[in-house]
PDB file of N, CA and C in Angstrom:
ATOM      1  N   UNK A   1      17.968-131.622 100.827  1.00  0.00           N
ATOM      2  CA  UNK A   1      17.363-130.554 100.100  1.00  0.00           C
ATOM      3  C   UNK A   1      15.873-130.685 100.279  1.00  0.00           C
ATOM      4  N   UNK A   2      15.293-129.726 100.849  1.00  0.00           N
ATOM      5  CA  UNK A   2      13.868-129.770 101.111  1.00  0.00           C
ATOM      6  C   UNK A   2      13.143-128.969 100.036  1.00  0.00           C
ATOM      7  N   UNK A   3      12.510-129.670  99.103  1.00  0.00           N
ATOM      8  CA  UNK A   3      11.808-128.943  98.057  1.00  0.00           C
ATOM      9  C   UNK A   3      10.594-128.229  98.637  1.00  0.00           C
ATOM     10  N   UNK A   4      10.371-127.045  98.184  1.00  0.00           N
ATOM     11  CA  UNK A   4       9.224-126.271  98.638  1.00  0.00           C
ATOM     12  C   UNK A   4       8.172-126.273  97.538  1.00  0.00           C
ATOM     13  N   UNK A   5       6.927-126.168  97.927  1.00  0.00           N
ATOM     14  CA  UNK A   5       5.848-126.160  96.944  1.00  0.00           C
ATOM     15  C   UNK A   5       5.857-124.828  96.215  1.00  0.00           C
ATOM     16  N   UNK A   6       6.330-124.857  95.018  1.00  0.00           N
ATOM     17  CA  UNK A   6       6.319-123.661  94.192  1.00  0.00           C
ATOM     18  C   UNK A   6       6.219-124.100  92.739  1.00  0.00           C
ATOM     19  N   UNK A   7       5.690-123.236  91.904  1.00  0.00           N
ATOM     20  CA  UNK A   7       5.542-123.634  90.505  1.00  0.00           C
ATOM     21  C   UNK A   7       6.886-123.867  89.841  1.00  0.00           C
ATOM     22  N   UNK A   8       6.888-124.769  88.899  1.00  0.00           N
ATOM     23  CA  UNK A   8       8.111-125.048  88.151  1.00  0.00           C
ATOM     24  C   UNK A   8       8.416-123.882  87.224  1.00  0.00           C
ATOM     25  N   UNK A   9       9.685-123.609  87.091  1.00  0.00           N
ATOM     26  CA  UNK A   9      10.113-122.591  86.152  1.00  0.00           C
ATOM     27  C   UNK A   9      10.885-123.273  85.041  1.00  0.00           C
ATOM     28  N   UNK A  10      10.911-122.685  83.872  1.00  0.00           N
ATOM     29  CA  UNK A  10      11.543-123.356  82.751  1.00  0.00           C
ATOM     30  C   UNK A  10      13.021-123.672  82.959  1.00  0.00           C
ATOM     31  N   UNK A  11      13.749-122.816  83.706  1.00  0.00           N
ATOM     32  CA  UNK A  11      15.178-123.041  83.862  1.00  0.00           C
ATOM     33  C   UNK A  11      15.528-123.888  85.080  1.00  0.00           C
ATOM     34  N   UNK A  12      14.562-124.205  85.907  1.00  0.00           N
ATOM     35  CA  UNK A  12      14.796-125.049  87.084  1.00  0.00           C
ATOM     36  C   UNK A  12      13.801-126.210  87.025  1.00  0.00           C
ATOM     37  N   UNK A  13      14.191-127.275  86.351  1.00  0.00           N
ATOM     38  CA  UNK A  13      13.228-128.344  86.117  1.00  0.00           C
ATOM     39  C   UNK A  13      13.399-129.553  87.023  1.00  0.00           C
ATOM     40  N   UNK A  14      14.541-129.696  87.679  1.00  0.00           N
ATOM     41  CA  UNK A  14      14.739-130.830  88.580  1.00  0.00           C
ATOM     42  C   UNK A  14      15.361-130.350  89.874  1.00  0.00           C
ATOM     43  N   UNK A  15      15.299-131.211  90.909  1.00  0.00           N
ATOM     44  CA  UNK A  15      15.946-130.859  92.172  1.00  0.00           C
ATOM     45  C   UNK A  15      17.437-130.649  91.970  1.00  0.00           C
ATOM     46  N   UNK A  16      18.034-131.450  91.082  1.00  0.00           N
ATOM     47  CA  UNK A  16      19.459-131.311  90.808  1.00  0.00           C
ATOM     48  C   UNK A  16      19.757-129.922  90.238  1.00  0.00           C
ATOM     49  N   UNK A  17      18.886-129.436  89.333  1.00  0.00           N
ATOM     50  CA  UNK A  17      19.061-128.102  88.771  1.00  0.00           C
ATOM     51  C   UNK A  17      18.906-127.038  89.853  1.00  0.00           C
ATOM     52  N   UNK A  18      17.966-127.264  90.765  1.00  0.00           N
ATOM     53  CA  UNK A  18      17.741-126.308  91.846  1.00  0.00           C
ATOM     54  C   UNK A  18      18.974-126.246  92.746  1.00  0.00           C
ATOM     55  N   UNK A  19      19.514-127.408  93.110  1.00  0.00           N
ATOM     56  CA  UNK A  19      20.715-127.435  93.954  1.00  0.00           C
ATOM     57  C   UNK A  19      21.868-126.735  93.253  1.00  0.00           C
ATOM     58  N   UNK A  20      22.056-127.043  91.998  1.00  0.00           N
ATOM     59  CA  UNK A  20      23.150-126.440  91.229  1.00  0.00           C
ATOM     60  C   UNK A  20      22.980-124.921  91.162  1.00  0.00           C
ATOM     61  N   UNK A  21      21.760-124.467  90.895  1.00  0.00           N
ATOM     62  CA  UNK A  21      21.491-123.027  90.805  1.00  0.00           C
ATOM     63  C   UNK A  21      21.683-122.336  92.156  1.00  0.00           C
ATOM     64  N   UNK A  22      21.244-122.993  93.222  1.00  0.00           N
ATOM     65  CA  UNK A  22      21.377-122.400  94.556  1.00  0.00           C
ATOM     66  C   UNK A  22      22.834-122.278  94.969  1.00  0.00           C
ATOM     67  N   UNK A  23      23.617-123.322  94.730  1.00  0.00           N
ATOM     68  CA  UNK A  23      25.040-123.282  95.068  1.00  0.00           C
ATOM     69  C   UNK A  23      25.748-122.220  94.226  1.00  0.00           C
ATOM     70  N   UNK A  24      25.413-122.165  92.945  1.00  0.00           N
ATOM     71  CA  UNK A  24      26.020-121.175  92.049  1.00  0.00           C
ATOM     72  C   UNK A  24      25.690-119.747  92.510  1.00  0.00           C
ATOM     73  N   UNK A  25      24.433-119.513  92.881  1.00  0.00           N
ATOM     74  CA  UNK A  25      24.019-118.187  93.347  1.00  0.00           C
ATOM     75  C   UNK A  25      24.726-117.817  94.649  1.00  0.00           C
ATOM     76  N   UNK A  26      24.828-118.773  95.573  1.00  0.00           N
ATOM     77  CA  UNK A  26      25.517-118.517  96.844  1.00  0.00           C
ATOM     78  C   UNK A  26      26.993-118.216  96.604  1.00  0.00           C
ATOM     79  N   UNK A  27      27.594-118.944  95.685  1.00  0.00           N
ATOM     80  CA  UNK A  27      29.013-118.726  95.360  1.00  0.00           C
ATOM     81  C   UNK A  27      29.204-117.347  94.722  1.00  0.00           C
ATOM     82  N   UNK A  28      28.262-116.929  93.895  1.00  0.00           N
ATOM     83  CA  UNK A  28      28.362-115.624  93.237  1.00  0.00           C
ATOM     84  C   UNK A  28      28.308-114.488  94.254  1.00  0.00           C
ATOM     85  N   UNK A  29      27.490-114.662  95.276  1.00  0.00           N
ATOM     86  CA  UNK A  29      27.363-113.629  96.311  1.00  0.00           C
ATOM     87  C   UNK A  29      28.531-113.684  97.288  1.00  0.00           C
ATOM     88  N   UNK A  30      28.912-114.877  97.703  1.00  0.00           N
ATOM     89  CA  UNK A  30      29.931-115.031  98.732  1.00  0.00           C
ATOM     90  C   UNK A  30      31.354-115.066  98.226  1.00  0.00           C
ATOM     91  N   UNK A  31      31.527-115.397  96.979  1.00  0.00           N
ATOM     92  CA  UNK A  31      32.870-115.465  96.422  1.00  0.00           C
ATOM     93  C   UNK A  31      33.608-116.730  96.822  1.00  0.00           C
ATOM     94  N   UNK A  32      34.892-116.739  96.545  1.00  0.00           N
ATOM     95  CA  UNK A  32      35.702-117.935  96.762  1.00  0.00           C
ATOM     96  C   UNK A  32      35.983-118.217  98.238  1.00  0.00           C
ATOM     97  N   UNK A  33      35.849-117.214  99.092  1.00  0.00           N
ATOM     98  CA  UNK A  33      36.219-117.369 100.500  1.00  0.00           C
ATOM     99  C   UNK A  33      35.100-117.938 101.362  1.00  0.00           C
ATOM    100  N   UNK A  34      33.922-118.132 100.804  1.00  0.00           N
ATOM    101  CA  UNK A  34      32.781-118.613 101.570  1.00  0.00           C
ATOM    102  C   UNK A  34      32.568-120.097 101.303  1.00  0.00           C
ATOM    103  N   UNK A  35      32.317-120.846 102.370  1.00  0.00           N
ATOM    104  CA  UNK A  35      31.987-122.255 102.211  1.00  0.00           C
ATOM    105  C   UNK A  35      30.471-122.391 102.097  1.00  0.00           C
ATOM    106  N   UNK A  36      30.043-123.167 101.129  1.00  0.00           N
ATOM    107  CA  UNK A  36      28.623-123.374 100.880  1.00  0.00           C
ATOM    108  C   UNK A  36      28.212-124.705 101.493  1.00  0.00           C
ATOM    109  N   UNK A  37      27.160-124.666 102.326  1.00  0.00           N
ATOM    110  CA  UNK A  37      26.654-125.868 102.983  1.00  0.00           C
ATOM    111  C   UNK A  37      25.249-126.172 102.497  1.00  0.00           C
ATOM    112  N   UNK A  38      24.991-127.447 102.211  1.00  0.00           N
ATOM    113  CA  UNK A  38      23.669-127.886 101.767  1.00  0.00           C
ATOM    114  C   UNK A  38      23.185-128.976 102.713  1.00  0.00           C
ATOM    115  N   UNK A  39      21.962-128.820 103.206  1.00  0.00           N
ATOM    116  CA  UNK A  39      21.348-129.814 104.088  1.00  0.00           C
ATOM    117  C   UNK A  39      20.634-130.860 103.244  1.00  0.00           C
ATOM    118  N   UNK A  40      20.886-132.139 103.541  1.00  0.00           N
ATOM    119  CA  UNK A  40      20.299-133.224 102.754  1.00  0.00           C
ATOM    120  C   UNK A  40      19.656-134.264 103.662  1.00  0.00           C
ATOM    121  N   UNK A  41      18.778-135.063 103.057  1.00  0.00           N
ATOM    122  CA  UNK A  41      18.062-136.109 103.780  1.00  0.00           C
ATOM    123  C   UNK A  41      18.402-137.513 103.296  1.00  0.00           C
ATOM    124  N   UNK A  42      19.244-137.613 102.259  1.00  0.00           N
ATOM    125  CA  UNK A  42      19.569-138.925 101.702  1.00  0.00           C
ATOM    126  C   UNK A  42      20.932-138.885 101.024  1.00  0.00           C
ATOM    127  N   UNK A  43      21.454-140.068 100.714  1.00  0.00           N
ATOM    128  CA  UNK A  43      22.727-140.147  99.984  1.00  0.00           C
ATOM    129  C   UNK A  43      22.594-139.548  98.589  1.00  0.00           C
ATOM    130  N   UNK A  44      21.465-139.788  97.947  1.00  0.00           N
ATOM    131  CA  UNK A  44      21.253-139.253  96.598  1.00  0.00           C
ATOM    132  C   UNK A  44      21.300-137.726  96.624  1.00  0.00           C
ATOM    133  N   UNK A  45      20.664-137.120  97.627  1.00  0.00           N
ATOM    134  CA  UNK A  45      20.701-135.666  97.746  1.00  0.00           C
ATOM    135  C   UNK A  45      22.113-135.182  98.062  1.00  0.00           C
ATOM    136  N   UNK A  46      22.863-135.950  98.845  1.00  0.00           N
ATOM    137  CA  UNK A  46      24.249-135.597  99.146  1.00  0.00           C
ATOM    138  C   UNK A  46      25.077-135.576  97.869  1.00  0.00           C
ATOM    139  N   UNK A  47      24.893-136.586  97.028  1.00  0.00           N
ATOM    140  CA  UNK A  47      25.613-136.629  95.757  1.00  0.00           C
ATOM    141  C   UNK A  47      25.259-135.432  94.879  1.00  0.00           C
ATOM    142  N   UNK A  48      23.981-135.059  94.856  1.00  0.00           N
ATOM    143  CA  UNK A  48      23.558-133.892  94.079  1.00  0.00           C
ATOM    144  C   UNK A  48      24.220-132.623  94.601  1.00  0.00           C
ATOM    145  N   UNK A  49      24.272-132.486  95.915  1.00  0.00           N
ATOM    146  CA  UNK A  49      24.871-131.296  96.515  1.00  0.00           C
ATOM    147  C   UNK A  49      26.370-131.222  96.218  1.00  0.00           C
ATOM    148  N   UNK A  50      27.046-132.351  96.323  1.00  0.00           N
ATOM    149  CA  UNK A  50      28.488-132.393  96.049  1.00  0.00           C
ATOM    150  C   UNK A  50      28.739-132.094  94.577  1.00  0.00           C
ATOM    151  N   UNK A  51      27.948-132.709  93.725  1.00  0.00           N
ATOM    152  CA  UNK A  51      28.062-132.478  92.290  1.00  0.00           C
ATOM    153  C   UNK A  51      27.823-131.003  91.952  1.00  0.00           C
ATOM    154  N   UNK A  52      26.927-130.356  92.690  1.00  0.00           N
ATOM    155  CA  UNK A  52      26.613-128.945  92.465  1.00  0.00           C
ATOM    156  C   UNK A  52      27.717-128.022  92.962  1.00  0.00           C
ATOM    157  N   UNK A  53      28.628-128.552  93.805  1.00  0.00           N
ATOM    158  CA  UNK A  53      29.742-127.745  94.280  1.00  0.00           C
ATOM    159  C   UNK A  53      29.703-127.366  95.743  1.00  0.00           C
ATOM    160  N   UNK A  54      28.832-128.000  96.533  1.00  0.00           N
ATOM    161  CA  UNK A  54      28.774-127.708  97.966  1.00  0.00           C
ATOM    162  C   UNK A  54      30.101-128.076  98.625  1.00  0.00           C
ATOM    163  N   UNK A  55      30.517-127.265  99.589  1.00  0.00           N
ATOM    164  CA  UNK A  55      31.747-127.529 100.336  1.00  0.00           C
ATOM    165  C   UNK A  55      31.474-128.400 101.558  1.00  0.00           C
ATOM    166  N   UNK A  56      30.281-128.218 102.144  1.00  0.00           N
ATOM    167  CA  UNK A  56      29.872-128.963 103.334  1.00  0.00           C
ATOM    168  C   UNK A  56      28.498-129.555 103.058  1.00  0.00           C
ATOM    169  N   UNK A  57      28.325-130.823 103.376  1.00  0.00           N
ATOM    170  CA  UNK A  57      27.029-131.479 103.227  1.00  0.00           C
ATOM    171  C   UNK A  57      26.571-131.907 104.608  1.00  0.00           C
ATOM    172  N   UNK A  58      25.416-131.357 105.030  1.00  0.00           N
ATOM    173  CA  UNK A  58      24.853-131.710 106.329  1.00  0.00           C
ATOM    174  C   UNK A  58      23.893-132.866 106.160  1.00  0.00           C
ATOM    175  N   UNK A  59      24.255-134.006 106.742  1.00  0.00           N
ATOM    176  CA  UNK A  59      23.399-135.188 106.742  1.00  0.00           C
ATOM    177  C   UNK A  59      22.445-135.034 107.923  1.00  0.00           C
ATOM    178  N   UNK A  60      21.212-134.665 107.642  1.00  0.00           N
ATOM    179  CA  UNK A  60      20.268-134.279 108.682  1.00  0.00           C
ATOM    180  C   UNK A  60      19.282-135.395 108.998  1.00  0.00           C
ATOM    181  N   UNK A  61      19.092-135.638 110.283  1.00  0.00           N
ATOM    182  CA  UNK A  61      18.098-136.588 110.791  1.00  0.00           C
ATOM    183  C   UNK A  61      18.317-138.037 110.359  1.00  0.00           C
ATOM    184  N   UNK A  62      19.564-138.449 110.229  1.00  0.00           N
ATOM    185  CA  UNK A  62      19.886-139.850 109.985  1.00  0.00           C
ATOM    186  C   UNK A  62      19.935-140.559 111.335  1.00  0.00           C
ATOM    187  N   UNK A  63      19.711-141.865 111.353  1.00  0.00           N
ATOM    188  CA  UNK A  63      19.927-142.640 112.579  1.00  0.00           C
ATOM    189  C   UNK A  63      21.437-142.805 112.750  1.00  0.00           C
ATOM    190  N   UNK A  64      21.875-143.216 113.913  1.00  0.00           N
ATOM    191  CA  UNK A  64      23.307-143.418 114.154  1.00  0.00           C
ATOM    192  C   UNK A  64      23.935-144.382 113.163  1.00  0.00           C
ATOM    193  N   UNK A  65      23.339-145.565 113.009  1.00  0.00           N
ATOM    194  CA  UNK A  65      23.862-146.564 112.073  1.00  0.00           C
ATOM    195  C   UNK A  65      23.695-146.116 110.629  1.00  0.00           C
ATOM    196  N   UNK A  66      22.549-145.509 110.308  1.00  0.00           N
ATOM    197  CA  UNK A  66      22.312-145.013 108.955  1.00  0.00           C
ATOM    198  C   UNK A  66      23.314-143.945 108.564  1.00  0.00           C
ATOM    199  N   UNK A  67      23.663-143.108 109.524  1.00  0.00           N
ATOM    200  CA  UNK A  67      24.641-142.052 109.281  1.00  0.00           C
ATOM    201  C   UNK A  67      26.010-142.646 108.977  1.00  0.00           C
ATOM    202  N   UNK A  68      26.403-143.634 109.755  1.00  0.00           N
ATOM    203  CA  UNK A  68      27.720-144.260 109.550  1.00  0.00           C
ATOM    204  C   UNK A  68      27.820-144.887 108.164  1.00  0.00           C
ATOM    205  N   UNK A  69      26.778-145.598 107.764  1.00  0.00           N
ATOM    206  CA  UNK A  69      26.764-146.241 106.446  1.00  0.00           C
ATOM    207  C   UNK A  69      26.795-145.193 105.340  1.00  0.00           C
ATOM    208  N   UNK A  70      25.946-144.177 105.457  1.00  0.00           N
ATOM    209  CA  UNK A  70      25.866-143.141 104.424  1.00  0.00           C
ATOM    210  C   UNK A  70      27.171-142.356 104.327  1.00  0.00           C
ATOM    211  N   UNK A  71      27.732-141.953 105.458  1.00  0.00           N
ATOM    212  CA  UNK A  71      28.962-141.157 105.453  1.00  0.00           C
ATOM    213  C   UNK A  71      30.111-141.933 104.816  1.00  0.00           C
ATOM    214  N   UNK A  72      30.244-143.186 105.178  1.00  0.00           N
ATOM    215  CA  UNK A  72      31.319-144.016 104.606  1.00  0.00           C
ATOM    216  C   UNK A  72      31.142-144.160 103.095  1.00  0.00           C
ATOM    217  N   UNK A  73      29.923-144.424 102.687  1.00  0.00           N
ATOM    218  CA  UNK A  73      29.616-144.599 101.271  1.00  0.00           C
ATOM    219  C   UNK A  73      29.901-143.324 100.479  1.00  0.00           C
ATOM    220  N   UNK A  74      29.477-142.190 101.002  1.00  0.00           N
ATOM    221  CA  UNK A  74      29.693-140.905 100.324  1.00  0.00           C
ATOM    222  C   UNK A  74      31.181-140.596 100.233  1.00  0.00           C
ATOM    223  N   UNK A  75      31.898-140.767 101.334  1.00  0.00           N
ATOM    224  CA  UNK A  75      33.343-140.492 101.330  1.00  0.00           C
ATOM    225  C   UNK A  75      34.062-141.398 100.328  1.00  0.00           C
ATOM    226  N   UNK A  76      33.704-142.676 100.275  1.00  0.00           N
ATOM    227  CA  UNK A  76      34.340-143.611  99.334  1.00  0.00           C
ATOM    228  C   UNK A  76      34.014-143.242  97.888  1.00  0.00           C
ATOM    229  N   UNK A  77      32.760-142.887  97.654  1.00  0.00           N
ATOM    230  CA  UNK A  77      32.321-142.573  96.294  1.00  0.00           C
ATOM    231  C   UNK A  77      33.011-141.323  95.742  1.00  0.00           C
ATOM    232  N   UNK A  78      33.287-140.347  96.608  1.00  0.00           N
ATOM    233  CA  UNK A  78      33.861-139.082  96.158  1.00  0.00           C
ATOM    234  C   UNK A  78      35.361-138.976  96.410  1.00  0.00           C
ATOM    235  N   UNK A  79      35.965-140.004  96.965  1.00  0.00           N
ATOM    236  CA  UNK A  79      37.412-139.987  97.241  1.00  0.00           C
ATOM    237  C   UNK A  79      38.196-139.759  95.952  1.00  0.00           C
ATOM    238  N   UNK A  80      39.090-138.788  95.990  1.00  0.00           N
ATOM    239  CA  UNK A  80      39.922-138.477  94.836  1.00  0.00           C
ATOM    240  C   UNK A  80      39.228-137.668  93.759  1.00  0.00           C
ATOM    241  N   UNK A  81      37.922-137.446  93.901  1.00  0.00           N
ATOM    242  CA  UNK A  81      37.173-136.679  92.900  1.00  0.00           C
ATOM    243  C   UNK A  81      36.885-135.263  93.376  1.00  0.00           C
ATOM    244  N   UNK A  82      36.474-135.143  94.641  1.00  0.00           N
ATOM    245  CA  UNK A  82      36.098-133.838  95.182  1.00  0.00           C
ATOM    246  C   UNK A  82      36.219-133.876  96.694  1.00  0.00           C
ATOM    247  N   UNK A  83      36.829-132.855  97.244  1.00  0.00           N
ATOM    248  CA  UNK A  83      36.977-132.725  98.698  1.00  0.00           C
ATOM    249  C   UNK A  83      35.700-132.103  99.261  1.00  0.00           C
ATOM    250  N   UNK A  84      35.093-132.764 100.226  1.00  0.00           N
ATOM    251  CA  UNK A  84      33.869-132.254 100.832  1.00  0.00           C
ATOM    252  C   UNK A  84      33.861-132.630 102.309  1.00  0.00           C
ATOM    253  N   UNK A  85      33.316-131.753 103.134  1.00  0.00           N
ATOM    254  CA  UNK A  85      33.162-132.032 104.561  1.00  0.00           C
ATOM    255  C   UNK A  85      31.751-132.556 104.795  1.00  0.00           C
ATOM    256  N   UNK A  86      31.631-133.563 105.661  1.00  0.00           N
ATOM    257  CA  UNK A  86      30.319-134.102 106.026  1.00  0.00           C
ATOM    258  C   UNK A  86      30.001-133.703 107.456  1.00  0.00           C
ATOM    259  N   UNK A  87      28.799-133.216 107.644  1.00  0.00           N
ATOM    260  CA  UNK A  87      28.321-132.788 108.960  1.00  0.00           C
ATOM    261  C   UNK A  87      27.101-133.617 109.324  1.00  0.00           C
ATOM    262  N   UNK A  88      27.015-134.005 110.599  1.00  0.00           N
ATOM    263  CA  UNK A  88      25.799-134.685 111.044  1.00  0.00           C
ATOM    264  C   UNK A  88      25.040-133.755 111.975  1.00  0.00           C
ATOM    265  N   UNK A  89      23.730-133.823 111.874  1.00  0.00           N
ATOM    266  CA  UNK A  89      22.875-132.954 112.659  1.00  0.00           C
ATOM    267  C   UNK A  89      21.491-133.586 112.737  1.00  0.00           C
ATOM    268  N   UNK A  90      20.711-133.144 113.692  1.00  0.00           N
ATOM    269  CA  UNK A  90      19.336-133.605 113.797  1.00  0.00           C
ATOM    270  C   UNK A  90      19.174-134.727 114.795  1.00  0.00           C
ATOM    271  N   UNK A  91      18.611-134.411 115.939  1.00  0.00           N
ATOM    272  CA  UNK A  91      18.336-135.424 116.950  1.00  0.00           C
ATOM    273  C   UNK A  91      19.507-135.761 117.851  1.00  0.00           C
ATOM    274  N   UNK A  92      20.630-135.069 117.691  1.00  0.00           N
ATOM    275  CA  UNK A  92      21.789-135.342 118.543  1.00  0.00           C
ATOM    276  C   UNK A  92      21.635-134.636 119.882  1.00  0.00           C
ATOM    277  N   UNK A  93      21.944-135.376 120.934  1.00  0.00           N
ATOM    278  CA  UNK A  93      21.923-134.808 122.282  1.00  0.00           C
ATOM    279  C   UNK A  93      23.217-135.200 122.978  1.00  0.00           C
ATOM    280  N   UNK A  94      23.423-134.642 124.119  1.00  0.00           N
ATOM    281  CA  UNK A  94      24.597-134.983 124.918  1.00  0.00           C
ATOM    282  C   UNK A  94      24.623-136.477 125.242  1.00  0.00           C
ATOM    283  N   UNK A  95      23.447-137.064 125.404  1.00  0.00           N
ATOM    284  CA  UNK A  95      23.339-138.466 125.782  1.00  0.00           C
ATOM    285  C   UNK A  95      23.584-139.428 124.622  1.00  0.00           C
ATOM    286  N   UNK A  96      23.193-139.061 123.395  1.00  0.00           N
ATOM    287  CA  UNK A  96      23.276-140.023 122.293  1.00  0.00           C
ATOM    288  C   UNK A  96      24.332-139.700 121.236  1.00  0.00           C
ATOM    289  N   UNK A  97      25.094-138.637 121.409  1.00  0.00           N
ATOM    290  CA  UNK A  97      26.041-138.211 120.377  1.00  0.00           C
ATOM    291  C   UNK A  97      27.064-139.297 120.047  1.00  0.00           C
ATOM    292  N   UNK A  98      27.402-140.142 121.003  1.00  0.00           N
ATOM    293  CA  UNK A  98      28.368-141.215 120.774  1.00  0.00           C
ATOM    294  C   UNK A  98      27.960-142.163 119.653  1.00  0.00           C
ATOM    295  N   UNK A  99      26.660-142.366 119.493  1.00  0.00           N
ATOM    296  CA  UNK A  99      26.164-143.264 118.445  1.00  0.00           C
ATOM    297  C   UNK A  99      26.377-142.694 117.042  1.00  0.00           C
ATOM    298  N   UNK A 100      26.639-141.382 116.952  1.00  0.00           N
ATOM    299  CA  UNK A 100      26.791-140.727 115.650  1.00  0.00           C
ATOM    300  C   UNK A 100      28.249-140.496 115.267  1.00  0.00           C
ATOM    301  N   UNK A 101      29.151-140.614 116.219  1.00  0.00           N
ATOM    302  CA  UNK A 101      30.555-140.314 115.956  1.00  0.00           C
ATOM    303  C   UNK A 101      31.217-141.407 115.131  1.00  0.00           C
ATOM    304  N   UNK A 102      31.946-140.987 114.109  1.00  0.00           N
ATOM    305  CA  UNK A 102      32.740-141.911 113.315  1.00  0.00           C
ATOM    306  C   UNK A 102      33.756-141.120 112.498  1.00  0.00           C
ATOM    307  N   UNK A 103      34.716-141.796 111.931  1.00  0.00           N
ATOM    308  CA  UNK A 103      35.819-141.132 111.232  1.00  0.00           C
ATOM    309  C   UNK A 103      35.419-140.488 109.911  1.00  0.00           C
ATOM    310  N   UNK A 104      34.243-140.787 109.398  1.00  0.00           N
ATOM    311  CA  UNK A 104      33.811-140.198 108.136  1.00  0.00           C
ATOM    312  C   UNK A 104      33.030-138.903 108.315  1.00  0.00           C
ATOM    313  N   UNK A 105      32.705-138.557 109.549  1.00  0.00           N
ATOM    314  CA  UNK A 105      32.003-137.311 109.846  1.00  0.00           C
ATOM    315  C   UNK A 105      33.028-136.276 110.294  1.00  0.00           C
ATOM    316  N   UNK A 106      32.993-135.112 109.643  1.00  0.00           N
ATOM    317  CA  UNK A 106      33.952-134.052 109.939  1.00  0.00           C
ATOM    318  C   UNK A 106      33.425-133.040 110.950  1.00  0.00           C
ATOM    319  N   UNK A 107      32.105-132.849 110.981  1.00  0.00           N
ATOM    320  CA  UNK A 107      31.489-131.839 111.834  1.00  0.00           C
ATOM    321  C   UNK A 107      30.275-132.456 112.523  1.00  0.00           C
ATOM    322  N   UNK A 108      30.157-132.240 113.818  1.00  0.00           N
ATOM    323  CA  UNK A 108      28.987-132.683 114.577  1.00  0.00           C
ATOM    324  C   UNK A 108      28.304-131.436 115.111  1.00  0.00           C
ATOM    325  N   UNK A 109      27.016-131.290 114.829  1.00  0.00           N
ATOM    326  CA  UNK A 109      26.315-130.106 115.337  1.00  0.00           C
ATOM    327  C   UNK A 109      24.999-130.509 115.987  1.00  0.00           C
ATOM    328  N   UNK A 110      24.656-129.779 117.007  1.00  0.00           N
ATOM    329  CA  UNK A 110      23.401-130.021 117.718  1.00  0.00           C
ATOM    330  C   UNK A 110      22.867-128.710 118.250  1.00  0.00           C
ATOM    331  N   UNK A 111      21.578-128.569 118.231  1.00  0.00           N
ATOM    332  CA  UNK A 111      20.957-127.386 118.809  1.00  0.00           C
ATOM    333  C   UNK A 111      20.437-127.681 120.208  1.00  0.00           C
ATOM    334  N   UNK A 112      20.578-128.915 120.661  1.00  0.00           N
ATOM    335  CA  UNK A 112      20.048-129.281 121.976  1.00  0.00           C
ATOM    336  C   UNK A 112      20.748-128.528 123.101  1.00  0.00           C
ATOM    337  N   UNK A 113      21.959-128.072 122.846  1.00  0.00           N
ATOM    338  CA  UNK A 113      22.709-127.353 123.874  1.00  0.00           C
ATOM    339  C   UNK A 113      21.990-126.074 124.280  1.00  0.00           C
ATOM    340  N   UNK A 114      21.484-125.347 123.297  1.00  0.00           N
ATOM    341  CA  UNK A 114      20.819-124.093 123.641  1.00  0.00           C
ATOM    342  C   UNK A 114      19.296-124.203 123.657  1.00  0.00           C
ATOM    343  N   UNK A 115      18.723-125.183 122.985  1.00  0.00           N
ATOM    344  CA  UNK A 115      17.268-125.305 122.984  1.00  0.00           C
ATOM    345  C   UNK A 115      16.727-125.947 124.255  1.00  0.00           C
ATOM    346  N   UNK A 116      17.548-126.714 124.946  1.00  0.00           N
ATOM    347  CA  UNK A 116      17.053-127.385 126.147  1.00  0.00           C
ATOM    348  C   UNK A 116      17.389-126.632 127.430  1.00  0.00           C
ATOM    349  N   UNK A 117      18.028-125.497 127.308  1.00  0.00           N
ATOM    350  CA  UNK A 117      18.400-124.710 128.487  1.00  0.00           C
ATOM    351  C   UNK A 117      17.156-124.037 129.057  1.00  0.00           C
ATOM    352  N   UNK A 118      17.000-124.142 130.358  1.00  0.00           N
ATOM    353  CA  UNK A 118      15.885-123.470 131.022  1.00  0.00           C
ATOM    354  C   UNK A 118      16.130-121.963 131.015  1.00  0.00           C
ATOM    355  N   UNK A 119      15.100-121.225 130.725  1.00  0.00           N
ATOM    356  CA  UNK A 119      15.246-119.768 130.692  1.00  0.00           C
ATOM    357  C   UNK A 119      14.970-119.181 132.080  1.00  0.00           C
ATOM    358  N   UNK A 120      15.469-117.995 132.256  1.00  0.00           N
ATOM    359  CA  UNK A 120      15.242-117.274 133.506  1.00  0.00           C
ATOM    360  C   UNK A 120      14.319-116.103 133.184  1.00  0.00           C
ATOM    361  N   UNK A 121      13.245-116.008 133.906  1.00  0.00           N
ATOM    362  CA  UNK A 121      12.289-114.915 133.696  1.00  0.00           C
ATOM    363  C   UNK A 121      12.541-113.862 134.774  1.00  0.00           C
ATOM    364  N   UNK A 122      12.979-112.694 134.357  1.00  0.00           N
ATOM    365  CA  UNK A 122      13.225-111.640 135.330  1.00  0.00           C
ATOM    366  C   UNK A 122      12.902-110.295 134.712  1.00  0.00           C
ATOM    367  N   UNK A 123      12.740-109.320 135.562  1.00  0.00           N
ATOM    368  CA  UNK A 123      12.531-107.951 135.082  1.00  0.00           C
ATOM    369  C   UNK A 123      13.401-107.024 135.915  1.00  0.00           C
ATOM    370  N   UNK A 124      13.629-105.866 135.379  1.00  0.00           N
ATOM    371  CA  UNK A 124      14.447-104.871 136.067  1.00  0.00           C
ATOM    372  C   UNK A 124      13.569-103.661 136.317  1.00  0.00           C
ATOM    373  N   UNK A 125      13.237-103.470 137.594  1.00  0.00           N
ATOM    374  CA  UNK A 125      12.413-102.326 137.948  1.00  0.00           C
ATOM    375  C   UNK A 125      13.268-101.347 138.731  1.00  0.00           C
ATOM    376  N   UNK A 126      13.152-100.109 138.380  1.00  0.00           N
ATOM    377  CA  UNK A 126      13.939 -99.064 139.061  1.00  0.00           C
ATOM    378  C   UNK A 126      12.986 -98.184 139.848  1.00  0.00           C
ATOM    379  N   UNK A 127      13.234 -98.097 141.158  1.00  0.00           N
ATOM    380  CA  UNK A 127      12.443 -97.225 142.020  1.00  0.00           C
ATOM    381  C   UNK A 127      13.085 -95.859 142.059  1.00  0.00           C
ATOM    382  N   UNK A 128      12.248 -94.823 142.035  1.00  0.00           N
ATOM    383  CA  UNK A 128      12.790 -93.454 142.118  1.00  0.00           C
ATOM    384  C   UNK A 128      12.844 -92.989 143.530  1.00  0.00           C
TER     385      UNK A 128
END
C-alpha cells in the first residue's frame, strides 16, 4: 500500500482504515463477482490487505529469498482463516523468475515481457 501525501480526514486515520475503506469501496462498485487486489511492500501491509478483505495480495519488489519467506509466513498465518491468492511482481525477468517461484505463490506477473520489446518505427504513406 503506497500512501500518498494527502491531508488526513477524520474517517480515515490509519493506513489500515484506508485499506479497509478502499477494499470496501471497490467491492461496492464491483460486487461479489470482482476480485480485489492490493499491492503491498511488506508482510504487515499484506496482513492489513487480507484483513480488509482483499482477494489477491501482490507482494511487490521483494527479493527472491525475501518473497519465499514472506509468502510462506503469510500463508501459514492465514491458513484456515481466510482464502487469499498471493502474487509476486516487481523486478522479475525471464532470466531471474526461477528465484521467485515457490509453492506459496499463486500468481507470477512481470511487465518485462512487453516493456523490453524493441519497437518498430514505421509510417504508411500513400502515393496518389
